[in-house]
Amino acid sequence: MLPAEDIPRLLPLLAGAQARLTAAQTVLAERLAAFLPSQSEAEAFSETTDRWLTTDETADLLKVDRKWLYRRAKGLPFCRRLSRKKLLFSEAGLHRWMANRKP
């Protein structure tokens, strides 16, 4: 417990510390704002973001068996192997790959 007679001495110290913290918070907020995209940049980014598909979703889109995907994972440029049993597929990469394939 803080003795009551120490409070008047500590109040100016606390006010000074609070002022320094507020100044630091302002500087950090300005630095963060410099790295955040503007509204138009954020909208453009959201239009170009990719979605990662599971093996089942990708197999459904390609009309193939899941085993087909596992056998050919190394040769599929839109595939990322997370572990021996876990694959993820870039939806944008899959659509580009499908568009560039010969019929």
Protein backbone atom coordinates (compact mmCIF):
# COMPACT_ATOMS: atom_id res chain seq x y z
CA MET A 1 0.00 0.00 0.00
CA LEU A 2 1.24 3.46 -0.87
CA PRO A 3 1.43 5.92 2.01
CA ALA A 4 -0.84 8.93 1.53
CA GLU A 5 2.00 11.39 2.10
CA ASP A 6 3.88 10.02 -0.99
CA ILE A 7 1.00 10.69 -3.42
CA PRO A 8 1.64 14.44 -3.95
CA ARG A 9 5.29 13.70 -4.76
CA LEU A 10 4.38 10.95 -7.25
CA LEU A 11 1.66 12.80 -9.17
CA PRO A 12 4.07 14.99 -11.20
CA LEU A 13 6.22 11.94 -11.96
CA LEU A 14 3.18 10.01 -13.20
CA ALA A 15 2.01 12.97 -15.29
CA GLY A 16 5.43 13.22 -16.92
CA ALA A 17 5.50 9.48 -17.63
CA GLN A 18 2.01 9.68 -19.11
CA ALA A 19 3.06 12.58 -21.36
CA ARG A 20 6.09 10.59 -22.62
CA LEU A 21 3.90 7.54 -23.26
CA THR A 22 1.39 9.66 -25.19
CA ALA A 23 4.21 11.13 -27.31
CA ALA A 24 5.59 7.64 -27.99
CA GLN A 25 2.11 6.42 -28.92
CA THR A 26 1.75 9.30 -31.40
CA VAL A 27 5.11 8.53 -33.02
CA LEU A 28 4.26 4.83 -33.30
CA ALA A 29 0.83 5.59 -34.76
CA GLU A 30 2.43 7.86 -37.40
CA ARG A 31 4.97 5.17 -38.30
CA LEU A 32 2.25 2.55 -38.56
CA ALA A 33 0.10 4.82 -40.73
CA ALA A 34 3.04 5.19 -43.14
CA PHE A 35 3.00 1.42 -43.73
CA LEU A 36 -0.75 0.92 -43.93
CA PRO A 37 -2.27 1.00 -47.40
CA SER A 38 -4.64 3.78 -48.34
CA GLN A 39 -8.31 2.94 -48.87
CA SER A 40 -7.85 2.56 -52.65
CA GLU A 41 -4.75 0.42 -52.14
CA ALA A 42 -6.61 -1.74 -49.64
CA GLU A 43 -9.47 -2.24 -52.11
CA ALA A 44 -7.01 -3.18 -54.87
CA PHE A 45 -5.26 -5.59 -52.49
CA SER A 46 -8.52 -7.26 -51.51
CA GLU A 47 -9.30 -7.86 -55.18
CA THR A 48 -5.97 -9.59 -55.72
CA THR A 49 -5.83 -11.67 -52.55
CA ASP A 50 -5.73 -15.38 -53.07
CA ARG A 51 -7.62 -18.13 -51.32
CA TRP A 52 -6.05 -21.45 -50.39
CA LEU A 53 -8.11 -24.49 -51.32
CA THR A 54 -8.13 -27.88 -49.65
CA THR A 55 -7.43 -31.10 -51.50
CA ASP A 56 -11.14 -31.90 -51.63
CA GLU A 57 -12.07 -28.47 -53.03
CA THR A 58 -9.34 -28.68 -55.67
CA ALA A 59 -10.26 -32.23 -56.63
CA ASP A 60 -13.87 -31.12 -57.11
CA LEU A 61 -12.83 -28.18 -59.30
CA LEU A 62 -10.54 -30.32 -61.45
CA LYS A 63 -12.90 -33.31 -61.47
CA VAL A 64 -10.10 -35.61 -60.35
CA ASP A 65 -9.49 -37.92 -57.42
CA ARG A 66 -7.60 -36.68 -54.35
CA LYS A 67 -4.97 -39.35 -54.99
CA TRP A 68 -4.33 -37.79 -58.41
CA LEU A 69 -3.46 -34.50 -56.71
CA TYR A 70 -1.10 -36.16 -54.22
CA ARG A 71 0.68 -38.06 -57.00
CA ARG A 72 1.16 -34.91 -59.09
CA ALA A 73 1.70 -32.34 -56.33
CA LYS A 74 5.36 -31.71 -57.24
CA GLY A 75 4.43 -30.80 -60.80
CA LEU A 76 1.54 -28.50 -59.97
CA PRO A 77 2.82 -24.91 -59.67
CA PHE A 78 -0.20 -23.82 -57.61
CA CYS A 79 0.32 -26.48 -54.93
CA ARG A 80 2.08 -26.07 -51.58
CA ARG A 81 2.89 -29.10 -49.46
CA LEU A 82 2.58 -28.31 -45.76
CA SER A 83 3.39 -31.82 -44.61
CA ARG A 84 3.43 -35.34 -45.96
CA LYS A 85 -0.34 -35.53 -45.72
CA LYS A 86 -1.38 -31.89 -46.14
CA LEU A 87 -1.56 -29.98 -49.42
CA LEU A 88 -2.97 -26.52 -50.11
CA PHE A 89 -3.74 -25.09 -53.54
CA SER A 90 -3.76 -21.48 -54.67
CA GLU A 91 -7.15 -20.73 -56.17
CA ALA A 92 -5.76 -17.95 -58.40
CA GLY A 93 -2.86 -20.18 -59.46
CA LEU A 94 -5.25 -23.03 -60.22
CA HIS A 95 -7.40 -20.82 -62.45
CA ARG A 96 -4.32 -19.48 -64.28
CA TRP A 97 -3.06 -23.04 -64.78
CA MET A 98 -6.46 -24.17 -66.08
CA ALA A 99 -6.65 -21.19 -68.46
CA ASN A 100 -3.20 -21.92 -69.91
CA ARG A 101 -3.74 -25.65 -70.44
CA LYS A 102 -4.33 -26.94 -73.92
CA PRO A 103 -7.78 -28.47 -74.41
